[in-house]
Amino acid sequence: MTTAVTDAVPTTVARRLHCVEAAAELVGVGRSTAYEEIRLGRLRTVRVGRRRLIPTEYIDLLKAEAAAAA
């Protein structure tokens, strides 16, 4: 008799890093704007190989700043 392993594994895992395109969509800006913010140093990224990934904490910070400005 075997037991199902899927019961012990969570069905959703929160992403901790996002590609630039996904982060731009989450924040509500375009891809070019996201890359411009990276170039200006206003948006921090992590390099994984050749990819630039944006930590979820920075996305949450941008959302909070946008809400405060509105």
C-alpha atoms as a PDB file:
ATOM      1  CA  MET A   1       0.000   0.000   0.000  1.00  0.00           C
ATOM      2  CA  THR A   2       1.406   3.399  -0.971  1.00  0.00           C
ATOM      3  CA  THR A   3       0.401   6.833   0.208  1.00  0.00           C
ATOM      4  CA  ALA A   4       0.040   9.858  -2.010  1.00  0.00           C
ATOM      5  CA  VAL A   5       3.006  12.196  -1.734  1.00  0.00           C
ATOM      6  CA  THR A   6       1.104  15.056  -3.322  1.00  0.00           C
ATOM      7  CA  ASP A   7      -0.789  15.678  -0.081  1.00  0.00           C
ATOM      8  CA  ALA A   8       2.437  16.751   1.634  1.00  0.00           C
ATOM      9  CA  VAL A   9       3.621  19.060  -1.167  1.00  0.00           C
ATOM     10  CA  PRO A  10       2.144  22.561  -1.278  1.00  0.00           C
ATOM     11  CA  THR A  11       0.272  23.240  -4.502  1.00  0.00           C
ATOM     12  CA  THR A  12       1.498  26.822  -4.871  1.00  0.00           C
ATOM     13  CA  VAL A  13       4.933  28.177  -4.205  1.00  0.00           C
ATOM     14  CA  ALA A  14       5.465  31.915  -4.024  1.00  0.00           C
ATOM     15  CA  ARG A  15       8.063  33.108  -6.496  1.00  0.00           C
ATOM     16  CA  ARG A  16      10.934  35.006  -4.915  1.00  0.00           C
ATOM     17  CA  LEU A  17      12.491  36.178  -8.187  1.00  0.00           C
ATOM     18  CA  HIS A  18      10.744  37.444 -11.316  1.00  0.00           C
ATOM     19  CA  CYS A  19      12.011  38.075 -14.825  1.00  0.00           C
ATOM     20  CA  VAL A  20      11.953  41.723 -15.876  1.00  0.00           C
ATOM     21  CA  GLU A  21       8.911  41.257 -18.113  1.00  0.00           C
ATOM     22  CA  ALA A  22       6.853  39.605 -15.346  1.00  0.00           C
ATOM     23  CA  ALA A  23       7.925  42.215 -12.788  1.00  0.00           C
ATOM     24  CA  ALA A  24       6.985  45.033 -15.169  1.00  0.00           C
ATOM     25  CA  GLU A  25       3.548  43.497 -15.624  1.00  0.00           C
ATOM     26  CA  LEU A  26       3.069  43.113 -11.868  1.00  0.00           C
ATOM     27  CA  VAL A  27       3.986  46.748 -11.259  1.00  0.00           C
ATOM     28  CA  GLY A  28       1.998  48.006 -14.233  1.00  0.00           C
ATOM     29  CA  VAL A  29       4.763  49.492 -16.374  1.00  0.00           C
ATOM     30  CA  GLY A  30       6.184  48.531 -19.731  1.00  0.00           C
ATOM     31  CA  ARG A  31       9.233  46.379 -20.321  1.00  0.00           C
ATOM     32  CA  SER A  32      11.286  49.354 -21.545  1.00  0.00           C
ATOM     33  CA  THR A  33      10.383  51.381 -18.461  1.00  0.00           C
ATOM     34  CA  ALA A  34      11.456  48.510 -16.208  1.00  0.00           C
ATOM     35  CA  TYR A  35      14.839  48.277 -17.950  1.00  0.00           C
ATOM     36  CA  GLU A  36      15.223  52.061 -17.709  1.00  0.00           C
ATOM     37  CA  GLU A  37      14.580  51.891 -13.949  1.00  0.00           C
ATOM     38  CA  ILE A  38      17.239  49.176 -13.703  1.00  0.00           C
ATOM     39  CA  ARG A  39      19.703  51.293 -15.685  1.00  0.00           C
ATOM     40  CA  LEU A  40      19.080  54.306 -13.439  1.00  0.00           C
ATOM     41  CA  GLY A  41      19.621  52.181 -10.333  1.00  0.00           C
ATOM     42  CA  ARG A  42      16.088  52.611  -8.992  1.00  0.00           C
ATOM     43  CA  LEU A  43      15.252  48.945  -9.439  1.00  0.00           C
ATOM     44  CA  ARG A  44      17.643  46.343  -8.041  1.00  0.00           C
ATOM     45  CA  THR A  45      18.218  43.055  -9.795  1.00  0.00           C
ATOM     46  CA  VAL A  46      19.998  39.790  -9.201  1.00  0.00           C
ATOM     47  CA  ARG A  47      22.096  38.221 -11.946  1.00  0.00           C
ATOM     48  CA  VAL A  48      21.631  34.496 -12.463  1.00  0.00           C
ATOM     49  CA  GLY A  49      23.828  33.547 -15.381  1.00  0.00           C
ATOM     50  CA  ARG A  50      22.877  36.000 -18.117  1.00  0.00           C
ATOM     51  CA  ARG A  51      19.406  36.644 -16.718  1.00  0.00           C
ATOM     52  CA  ARG A  52      18.345  39.639 -14.656  1.00  0.00           C
ATOM     53  CA  LEU A  53      15.811  38.736 -12.012  1.00  0.00           C
ATOM     54  CA  ILE A  54      13.971  41.070  -9.678  1.00  0.00           C
ATOM     55  CA  PRO A  55      13.314  40.019  -6.072  1.00  0.00           C
ATOM     56  CA  THR A  56       9.688  40.102  -4.930  1.00  0.00           C
ATOM     57  CA  GLU A  57      10.591  42.541  -2.129  1.00  0.00           C
ATOM     58  CA  TYR A  58      11.447  45.258  -4.670  1.00  0.00           C
ATOM     59  CA  ILE A  59       8.221  44.672  -6.577  1.00  0.00           C
ATOM     60  CA  ASP A  60       6.264  45.056  -3.338  1.00  0.00           C
ATOM     61  CA  LEU A  61       8.214  48.239  -2.555  1.00  0.00           C
ATOM     62  CA  LEU A  62       7.374  49.728  -5.964  1.00  0.00           C
ATOM     63  CA  LYS A  63       3.699  48.883  -5.511  1.00  0.00           C
ATOM     64  CA  ALA A  64       3.687  50.563  -2.082  1.00  0.00           C
ATOM     65  CA  GLU A  65       5.389  53.689  -3.460  1.00  0.00           C
ATOM     66  CA  ALA A  66       2.909  53.890  -6.323  1.00  0.00           C
ATOM     67  CA  ALA A  67      -0.014  53.561  -3.926  1.00  0.00           C
ATOM     68  CA  ALA A  68       1.396  56.271  -1.660  1.00  0.00           C
ATOM     69  CA  ALA A  69       1.908  58.635  -4.604  1.00  0.00           C
ATOM     70  CA  ALA A  70      -1.674  58.212  -5.826  1.00  0.00           C
END
